[in-house]
Amino acid sequence: MTVTVFIPQQLRSYTGGLTSVQVSGRTVDEALRALDHAYPGIRFRFIDEQNRIRVHMRVFVDGGRTRTLTQKLGPKAEIHVFGALSGG
């Protein structure tokens, strides 16, 4: 399945400035692994060593937030990744 992953501003240096990338995958995990294969190192920025979405990252699939990498993807799914901002 073709999946579109929308890349947050702070990670676009990995994709050469691309705002979205098309990859293949039947689950969120497969899609993010395909993304990392095309753009090495990007997956680690939002997935931790225990294979979980990092606490400061938000991942949405077709408009709904997911907290799991095992979520199934439909045809032409869209994954949006957001990084939390802080300041003070």
PDB file of N, CA and C in Angstrom:
ATOM      1  N   MET A   1       0.822  -1.179   0.000  1.00  0.00           N
ATOM      2  CA  MET A   1       0.000   0.000   0.000  1.00  0.00           C
ATOM      3  C   MET A   1       0.870   1.248   0.000  1.00  0.00           C
ATOM      4  N   THR A   2       0.453   2.230  -0.720  1.00  0.00           N
ATOM      5  CA  THR A   2       1.173   3.499  -0.732  1.00  0.00           C
ATOM      6  C   THR A   2       0.668   4.376   0.405  1.00  0.00           C
ATOM      7  N   VAL A   3       1.603   4.847   1.190  1.00  0.00           N
ATOM      8  CA  VAL A   3       1.305   5.667   2.364  1.00  0.00           C
ATOM      9  C   VAL A   3       2.035   6.994   2.202  1.00  0.00           C
ATOM     10  N   THR A   4       1.380   8.083   2.530  1.00  0.00           N
ATOM     11  CA  THR A   4       2.033   9.390   2.532  1.00  0.00           C
ATOM     12  C   THR A   4       2.353   9.763   3.967  1.00  0.00           C
ATOM     13  N   VAL A   5       3.631  10.036   4.223  1.00  0.00           N
ATOM     14  CA  VAL A   5       4.070  10.478   5.543  1.00  0.00           C
ATOM     15  C   VAL A   5       4.410  11.957   5.447  1.00  0.00           C
ATOM     16  N   PHE A   6       3.751  12.764   6.270  1.00  0.00           N
ATOM     17  CA  PHE A   6       4.009  14.199   6.306  1.00  0.00           C
ATOM     18  C   PHE A   6       5.084  14.450   7.359  1.00  0.00           C
ATOM     19  N   ILE A   7       6.138  15.127   6.943  1.00  0.00           N
ATOM     20  CA  ILE A   7       7.337  15.311   7.757  1.00  0.00           C
ATOM     21  C   ILE A   7       7.275  16.655   8.484  1.00  0.00           C
ATOM     22  N   PRO A   8       7.484  16.656   9.818  1.00  0.00           N
ATOM     23  CA  PRO A   8       7.485  17.931  10.540  1.00  0.00           C
ATOM     24  C   PRO A   8       8.713  18.763  10.190  1.00  0.00           C
ATOM     25  N   GLN A   9       8.585  20.054  10.356  1.00  0.00           N
ATOM     26  CA  GLN A   9       9.653  20.996   9.997  1.00  0.00           C
ATOM     27  C   GLN A   9      11.002  20.588  10.590  1.00  0.00           C
ATOM     28  N   GLN A  10      11.023  20.201  11.860  1.00  0.00           N
ATOM     29  CA  GLN A  10      12.295  19.921  12.528  1.00  0.00           C
ATOM     30  C   GLN A  10      12.989  18.658  12.008  1.00  0.00           C
ATOM     31  N   LEU A  11      12.320  17.854  11.187  1.00  0.00           N
ATOM     32  CA  LEU A  11      12.943  16.642  10.645  1.00  0.00           C
ATOM     33  C   LEU A  11      13.140  16.698   9.126  1.00  0.00           C
ATOM     34  N   ARG A  12      12.833  17.813   8.524  1.00  0.00           N
ATOM     35  CA  ARG A  12      12.950  17.908   7.062  1.00  0.00           C
ATOM     36  C   ARG A  12      14.379  17.912   6.562  1.00  0.00           C
ATOM     37  N   SER A  13      15.340  18.120   7.436  1.00  0.00           N
ATOM     38  CA  SER A  13      16.745  18.015   7.006  1.00  0.00           C
ATOM     39  C   SER A  13      17.068  16.581   6.590  1.00  0.00           C
ATOM     40  N   TYR A  14      16.353  15.607   7.142  1.00  0.00           N
ATOM     41  CA  TYR A  14      16.556  14.203   6.761  1.00  0.00           C
ATOM     42  C   TYR A  14      16.039  13.928   5.355  1.00  0.00           C
ATOM     43  N   THR A  15      14.996  14.638   4.953  1.00  0.00           N
ATOM     44  CA  THR A  15      14.361  14.377   3.655  1.00  0.00           C
ATOM     45  C   THR A  15      14.759  15.389   2.592  1.00  0.00           C
ATOM     46  N   GLY A  16      15.795  16.158   2.858  1.00  0.00           N
ATOM     47  CA  GLY A  16      16.221  17.159   1.892  1.00  0.00           C
ATOM     48  C   GLY A  16      15.200  18.261   1.711  1.00  0.00           C
ATOM     49  N   GLY A  17      14.404  18.516   2.750  1.00  0.00           N
ATOM     50  CA  GLY A  17      13.419  19.582   2.703  1.00  0.00           C
ATOM     51  C   GLY A  17      12.029  19.152   2.282  1.00  0.00           C
ATOM     52  N   LEU A  18      11.868  17.898   1.920  1.00  0.00           N
ATOM     53  CA  LEU A  18      10.538  17.435   1.499  1.00  0.00           C
ATOM     54  C   LEU A  18       9.555  17.514   2.655  1.00  0.00           C
ATOM     55  N   THR A  19       8.356  17.970   2.363  1.00  0.00           N
ATOM     56  CA  THR A  19       7.318  18.070   3.392  1.00  0.00           C
ATOM     57  C   THR A  19       6.520  16.779   3.528  1.00  0.00           C
ATOM     58  N   SER A  20       6.546  15.944   2.501  1.00  0.00           N
ATOM     59  CA  SER A  20       5.875  14.642   2.561  1.00  0.00           C
ATOM     60  C   SER A  20       6.640  13.650   1.688  1.00  0.00           C
ATOM     61  N   VAL A  21       6.495  12.384   2.057  1.00  0.00           N
ATOM     62  CA  VAL A  21       7.200  11.303   1.370  1.00  0.00           C
ATOM     63  C   VAL A  21       6.230  10.142   1.215  1.00  0.00           C
ATOM     64  N   GLN A  22       6.285   9.470   0.077  1.00  0.00           N
ATOM     65  CA  GLN A  22       5.456   8.290  -0.117  1.00  0.00           C
ATOM     66  C   GLN A  22       6.296   7.037   0.107  1.00  0.00           C
ATOM     67  N   VAL A  23       5.740   6.124   0.910  1.00  0.00           N
ATOM     68  CA  VAL A  23       6.395   4.857   1.225  1.00  0.00           C
ATOM     69  C   VAL A  23       5.350   3.754   1.150  1.00  0.00           C
ATOM     70  N   SER A  24       5.790   2.521   1.353  1.00  0.00           N
ATOM     71  CA  SER A  24       4.874   1.382   1.396  1.00  0.00           C
ATOM     72  C   SER A  24       4.784   0.869   2.820  1.00  0.00           C
ATOM     73  N   GLY A  25       3.644   0.284   3.160  1.00  0.00           N
ATOM     74  CA  GLY A  25       3.494  -0.327   4.470  1.00  0.00           C
ATOM     75  C   GLY A  25       2.050  -0.681   4.754  1.00  0.00           C
ATOM     76  N   ARG A  26       1.876  -1.771   5.494  1.00  0.00           N
ATOM     77  CA  ARG A  26       0.531  -2.199   5.901  1.00  0.00           C
ATOM     78  C   ARG A  26       0.197  -1.752   7.320  1.00  0.00           C
ATOM     79  N   THR A  27       1.241  -1.388   8.080  1.00  0.00           N
ATOM     80  CA  THR A  27       1.071  -0.877   9.436  1.00  0.00           C
ATOM     81  C   THR A  27       1.898   0.391   9.581  1.00  0.00           C
ATOM     82  N   VAL A  28       1.678   1.113  10.663  1.00  0.00           N
ATOM     83  CA  VAL A  28       2.471   2.308  10.932  1.00  0.00           C
ATOM     84  C   VAL A  28       3.951   1.926  11.030  1.00  0.00           C
ATOM     85  N   ASP A  29       4.241   0.827  11.706  1.00  0.00           N
ATOM     86  CA  ASP A  29       5.633   0.391  11.864  1.00  0.00           C
ATOM     87  C   ASP A  29       6.291   0.120  10.508  1.00  0.00           C
ATOM     88  N   GLU A  30       5.615  -0.613   9.636  1.00  0.00           N
ATOM     89  CA  GLU A  30       6.175  -0.899   8.313  1.00  0.00           C
ATOM     90  C   GLU A  30       6.417   0.385   7.527  1.00  0.00           C
ATOM     91  N   ALA A  31       5.487   1.310   7.590  1.00  0.00           N
ATOM     92  CA  ALA A  31       5.645   2.567   6.857  1.00  0.00           C
ATOM     93  C   ALA A  31       6.830   3.366   7.388  1.00  0.00           C
ATOM     94  N   LEU A  32       6.976   3.415   8.713  1.00  0.00           N
ATOM     95  CA  LEU A  32       8.083   4.186   9.286  1.00  0.00           C
ATOM     96  C   LEU A  32       9.427   3.514   9.050  1.00  0.00           C
ATOM     97  N   ARG A  33       9.439   2.199   8.984  1.00  0.00           N
ATOM     98  CA  ARG A  33      10.680   1.494   8.637  1.00  0.00           C
ATOM     99  C   ARG A  33      11.055   1.756   7.178  1.00  0.00           C
ATOM    100  N   ALA A  34      10.054   1.803   6.306  1.00  0.00           N
ATOM    101  CA  ALA A  34      10.314   2.126   4.899  1.00  0.00           C
ATOM    102  C   ALA A  34      10.823   3.570   4.776  1.00  0.00           C
ATOM    103  N   LEU A  35      10.257   4.460   5.570  1.00  0.00           N
ATOM    104  CA  LEU A  35      10.724   5.847   5.587  1.00  0.00           C
ATOM    105  C   LEU A  35      12.181   5.908   6.016  1.00  0.00           C
ATOM    106  N   ASP A  36      12.525   5.145   7.050  1.00  0.00           N
ATOM    107  CA  ASP A  36      13.902   5.137   7.550  1.00  0.00           C
ATOM    108  C   ASP A  36      14.862   4.505   6.542  1.00  0.00           C
ATOM    109  N   HIS A  37      14.374   3.548   5.781  1.00  0.00           N
ATOM    110  CA  HIS A  37      15.214   2.938   4.740  1.00  0.00           C
ATOM    111  C   HIS A  37      15.571   3.981   3.673  1.00  0.00           C
ATOM    112  N   ALA A  38      14.599   4.820   3.340  1.00  0.00           N
ATOM    113  CA  ALA A  38      14.833   5.857   2.332  1.00  0.00           C
ATOM    114  C   ALA A  38      15.611   7.041   2.901  1.00  0.00           C
ATOM    115  N   TYR A  39      15.405   7.331   4.194  1.00  0.00           N
ATOM    116  CA  TYR A  39      16.028   8.479   4.848  1.00  0.00           C
ATOM    117  C   TYR A  39      16.602   8.020   6.200  1.00  0.00           C
ATOM    118  N   PRO A  40      17.773   7.386   6.164  1.00  0.00           N
ATOM    119  CA  PRO A  40      18.351   6.775   7.363  1.00  0.00           C
ATOM    120  C   PRO A  40      18.448   7.734   8.551  1.00  0.00           C
ATOM    121  N   GLY A  41      18.020   7.222   9.700  1.00  0.00           N
ATOM    122  CA  GLY A  41      18.106   7.965  10.942  1.00  0.00           C
ATOM    123  C   GLY A  41      16.850   8.701  11.335  1.00  0.00           C
ATOM    124  N   ILE A  42      15.919   8.887  10.416  1.00  0.00           N
ATOM    125  CA  ILE A  42      14.732   9.686  10.723  1.00  0.00           C
ATOM    126  C   ILE A  42      13.807   8.972  11.709  1.00  0.00           C
ATOM    127  N   ARG A  43      13.684   7.665  11.597  1.00  0.00           N
ATOM    128  CA  ARG A  43      12.764   6.914  12.465  1.00  0.00           C
ATOM    129  C   ARG A  43      13.124   7.061  13.933  1.00  0.00           C
ATOM    130  N   PHE A  44      14.411   7.043  14.235  1.00  0.00           N
ATOM    131  CA  PHE A  44      14.861   7.139  15.616  1.00  0.00           C
ATOM    132  C   PHE A  44      14.451   8.454  16.264  1.00  0.00           C
ATOM    133  N   ARG A  45      14.187   9.455  15.470  1.00  0.00           N
ATOM    134  CA  ARG A  45      13.781  10.754  16.010  1.00  0.00           C
ATOM    135  C   ARG A  45      12.376  10.715  16.597  1.00  0.00           C
ATOM    136  N   PHE A  46      11.534   9.771  16.168  1.00  0.00           N
ATOM    137  CA  PHE A  46      10.206   9.689  16.763  1.00  0.00           C
ATOM    138  C   PHE A  46       9.835   8.335  17.322  1.00  0.00           C
ATOM    139  N   ILE A  47      10.725   7.339  17.206  1.00  0.00           N
ATOM    140  CA  ILE A  47      10.509   6.023  17.807  1.00  0.00           C
ATOM    141  C   ILE A  47      11.684   5.727  18.739  1.00  0.00           C
ATOM    142  N   ASP A  48      11.387   5.291  19.966  1.00  0.00           N
ATOM    143  CA  ASP A  48      12.459   5.068  20.945  1.00  0.00           C
ATOM    144  C   ASP A  48      13.044   3.659  20.865  1.00  0.00           C
ATOM    145  N   GLU A  49      13.960   3.361  21.773  1.00  0.00           N
ATOM    146  CA  GLU A  49      14.672   2.085  21.784  1.00  0.00           C
ATOM    147  C   GLU A  49      13.759   0.906  22.127  1.00  0.00           C
ATOM    148  N   GLN A  50      12.612   1.162  22.732  1.00  0.00           N
ATOM    149  CA  GLN A  50      11.639   0.112  23.047  1.00  0.00           C
ATOM    150  C   GLN A  50      10.584  -0.028  21.954  1.00  0.00           C
ATOM    151  N   ASN A  51      10.835   0.589  20.804  1.00  0.00           N
ATOM    152  CA  ASN A  51       9.942   0.535  19.645  1.00  0.00           C
ATOM    153  C   ASN A  51       8.571   1.148  19.960  1.00  0.00           C
ATOM    154  N   ARG A  52       8.599   2.277  20.674  1.00  0.00           N
ATOM    155  CA  ARG A  52       7.385   3.023  20.996  1.00  0.00           C
ATOM    156  C   ARG A  52       7.526   4.448  20.485  1.00  0.00           C
ATOM    157  N   ILE A  53       6.402   5.060  20.221  1.00  0.00           N
ATOM    158  CA  ILE A  53       6.404   6.458  19.804  1.00  0.00           C
ATOM    159  C   ILE A  53       6.911   7.288  20.985  1.00  0.00           C
ATOM    160  N   ARG A  54       7.879   8.137  20.725  1.00  0.00           N
ATOM    161  CA  ARG A  54       8.444   8.968  21.795  1.00  0.00           C
ATOM    162  C   ARG A  54       7.361   9.848  22.414  1.00  0.00           C
ATOM    163  N   VAL A  55       7.504  10.122  23.712  1.00  0.00           N
ATOM    164  CA  VAL A  55       6.465  10.849  24.441  1.00  0.00           C
ATOM    165  C   VAL A  55       6.247  12.266  23.917  1.00  0.00           C
ATOM    166  N   HIS A  56       7.265  12.866  23.334  1.00  0.00           N
ATOM    167  CA  HIS A  56       7.116  14.235  22.837  1.00  0.00           C
ATOM    168  C   HIS A  56       6.671  14.296  21.373  1.00  0.00           C
ATOM    169  N   MET A  57       6.382  13.144  20.787  1.00  0.00           N
ATOM    170  CA  MET A  57       5.942  13.100  19.392  1.00  0.00           C
ATOM    171  C   MET A  57       4.479  12.665  19.325  1.00  0.00           C
ATOM    172  N   ARG A  58       3.772  13.165  18.342  1.00  0.00           N
ATOM    173  CA  ARG A  58       2.382  12.782  18.107  1.00  0.00           C
ATOM    174  C   ARG A  58       2.283  12.252  16.686  1.00  0.00           C
ATOM    175  N   VAL A  59       1.636  11.106  16.543  1.00  0.00           N
ATOM    176  CA  VAL A  59       1.457  10.481  15.238  1.00  0.00           C
ATOM    177  C   VAL A  59      -0.040  10.322  14.990  1.00  0.00           C
ATOM    178  N   PHE A  60      -0.475  10.809  13.840  1.00  0.00           N
ATOM    179  CA  PHE A  60      -1.873  10.724  13.451  1.00  0.00           C
ATOM    180  C   PHE A  60      -1.979   9.931  12.148  1.00  0.00           C
ATOM    181  N   VAL A  61      -2.951   9.038  12.099  1.00  0.00           N
ATOM    182  CA  VAL A  61      -3.221   8.258  10.896  1.00  0.00           C
ATOM    183  C   VAL A  61      -4.612   8.619  10.407  1.00  0.00           C
ATOM    184  N   ASP A  62      -4.674   9.147   9.206  1.00  0.00           N
ATOM    185  CA  ASP A  62      -5.948   9.561   8.608  1.00  0.00           C
ATOM    186  C   ASP A  62      -6.779  10.426   9.563  1.00  0.00           C
ATOM    187  N   GLY A  63      -6.110  11.331  10.263  1.00  0.00           N
ATOM    188  CA  GLY A  63      -6.790  12.296  11.114  1.00  0.00           C
ATOM    189  C   GLY A  63      -6.985  11.893  12.560  1.00  0.00           C
ATOM    190  N   GLY A  64      -6.721  10.625  12.895  1.00  0.00           N
ATOM    191  CA  GLY A  64      -6.887  10.173  14.274  1.00  0.00           C
ATOM    192  C   GLY A  64      -5.545   9.845  14.905  1.00  0.00           C
ATOM    193  N   ARG A  65      -5.363  10.241  16.152  1.00  0.00           N
ATOM    194  CA  ARG A  65      -4.094   9.979  16.840  1.00  0.00           C
ATOM    195  C   ARG A  65      -3.931   8.492  17.110  1.00  0.00           C
ATOM    196  N   THR A  66      -2.712   8.016  16.898  1.00  0.00           N
ATOM    197  CA  THR A  66      -2.379   6.637  17.248  1.00  0.00           C
ATOM    198  C   THR A  66      -1.251   6.640  18.262  1.00  0.00           C
ATOM    199  N   ARG A  67      -1.290   5.670  19.157  1.00  0.00           N
ATOM    200  CA  ARG A  67      -0.230   5.505  20.141  1.00  0.00           C
ATOM    201  C   ARG A  67       0.504   4.185  19.927  1.00  0.00           C
ATOM    202  N   THR A  68       0.139   3.485  18.871  1.00  0.00           N
ATOM    203  CA  THR A  68       0.722   2.184  18.615  1.00  0.00           C
ATOM    204  C   THR A  68       1.248   2.071  17.196  1.00  0.00           C
ATOM    205  N   LEU A  69       2.328   1.353  17.049  1.00  0.00           N
ATOM    206  CA  LEU A  69       2.916   1.144  15.724  1.00  0.00           C
ATOM    207  C   LEU A  69       2.248   0.005  14.968  1.00  0.00           C
ATOM    208  N   THR A  70       1.426  -0.768  15.652  1.00  0.00           N
ATOM    209  CA  THR A  70       0.783  -1.914  15.004  1.00  0.00           C
ATOM    210  C   THR A  70      -0.507  -1.534  14.292  1.00  0.00           C
ATOM    211  N   GLN A  71      -0.888  -0.274  14.347  1.00  0.00           N
ATOM    212  CA  GLN A  71      -2.127   0.144  13.689  1.00  0.00           C
ATOM    213  C   GLN A  71      -2.060  -0.151  12.203  1.00  0.00           C
ATOM    214  N   LYS A  72      -3.101  -0.772  11.711  1.00  0.00           N
ATOM    215  CA  LYS A  72      -3.215  -1.093  10.289  1.00  0.00           C
ATOM    216  C   LYS A  72      -3.473   0.174   9.487  1.00  0.00           C
ATOM    217  N   LEU A  73      -2.973   0.167   8.265  1.00  0.00           N
ATOM    218  CA  LEU A  73      -3.162   1.297   7.362  1.00  0.00           C
ATOM    219  C   LEU A  73      -4.043   0.901   6.203  1.00  0.00           C
ATOM    220  N   GLY A  74      -4.917   1.779   5.825  1.00  0.00           N
ATOM    221  CA  GLY A  74      -5.760   1.546   4.668  1.00  0.00           C
ATOM    222  C   GLY A  74      -5.064   2.004   3.402  1.00  0.00           C
ATOM    223  N   PRO A  75      -5.696   1.742   2.266  1.00  0.00           N
ATOM    224  CA  PRO A  75      -5.127   2.202   1.006  1.00  0.00           C
ATOM    225  C   PRO A  75      -5.021   3.733   1.008  1.00  0.00           C
ATOM    226  N   LYS A  76      -3.886   4.215   0.559  1.00  0.00           N
ATOM    227  CA  LYS A  76      -3.631   5.650   0.468  1.00  0.00           C
ATOM    228  C   LYS A  76      -3.705   6.347   1.827  1.00  0.00           C
ATOM    229  N   ALA A  77      -3.272   5.675   2.868  1.00  0.00           N
ATOM    230  CA  ALA A  77      -3.283   6.260   4.213  1.00  0.00           C
ATOM    231  C   ALA A  77      -2.351   7.461   4.283  1.00  0.00           C
ATOM    232  N   GLU A  78      -2.648   8.340   5.223  1.00  0.00           N
ATOM    233  CA  GLU A  78      -1.797   9.498   5.495  1.00  0.00           C
ATOM    234  C   GLU A  78      -1.354   9.455   6.945  1.00  0.00           C
ATOM    235  N   ILE A  79      -0.043   9.598   7.147  1.00  0.00           N
ATOM    236  CA  ILE A  79       0.518   9.662   8.488  1.00  0.00           C
ATOM    237  C   ILE A  79       1.093  11.059   8.678  1.00  0.00           C
ATOM    238  N   HIS A  80       0.651  11.724   9.734  1.00  0.00           N
ATOM    239  CA  HIS A  80       1.181  13.039  10.088  1.00  0.00           C
ATOM    240  C   HIS A  80       1.956  12.892  11.385  1.00  0.00           C
ATOM    241  N   VAL A  81       3.177  13.402  11.399  1.00  0.00           N
ATOM    242  CA  VAL A  81       4.030  13.349  12.587  1.00  0.00           C
ATOM    243  C   VAL A  81       4.248  14.779  13.070  1.00  0.00           C
ATOM    244  N   PHE A  82       4.031  14.990  14.369  1.00  0.00           N
ATOM    245  CA  PHE A  82       4.220  16.303  14.974  1.00  0.00           C
ATOM    246  C   PHE A  82       5.138  16.187  16.182  1.00  0.00           C
ATOM    247  N   GLY A  83       6.030  17.123  16.322  1.00  0.00           N
ATOM    248  CA  GLY A  83       6.883  17.192  17.506  1.00  0.00           C
ATOM    249  C   GLY A  83       6.361  18.238  18.451  1.00  0.00           C
ATOM    250  N   ALA A  84       6.383  17.923  19.733  1.00  0.00           N
ATOM    251  CA  ALA A  84       5.927  18.885  20.734  1.00  0.00           C
ATOM    252  C   ALA A  84       6.887  20.063  20.800  1.00  0.00           C
ATOM    253  N   LEU A  85       6.355  21.234  21.019  1.00  0.00           N
ATOM    254  CA  LEU A  85       7.149  22.442  21.175  1.00  0.00           C
ATOM    255  C   LEU A  85       7.084  22.878  22.621  1.00  0.00           C
ATOM    256  N   SER A  86       8.158  23.416  23.099  1.00  0.00           N
ATOM    257  CA  SER A  86       8.148  23.950  24.457  1.00  0.00           C
ATOM    258  C   SER A  86       8.968  25.236  24.477  1.00  0.00           C
ATOM    259  N   GLY A  87       8.802  25.950  25.485  1.00  0.00           N
ATOM    260  CA  GLY A  87       9.539  27.205  25.608  1.00  0.00           C
ATOM    261  C   GLY A  87       9.105  27.921  26.869  1.00  0.00           C
ATOM    262  N   GLY A  88       9.655  29.057  27.059  1.00  0.00           N
ATOM    263  CA  GLY A  88       9.245  29.737  28.271  1.00  0.00           C
ATOM    264  C   GLY A  88       9.955  31.041  28.461  1.00  0.00           C
TER     265      GLY A  88
END
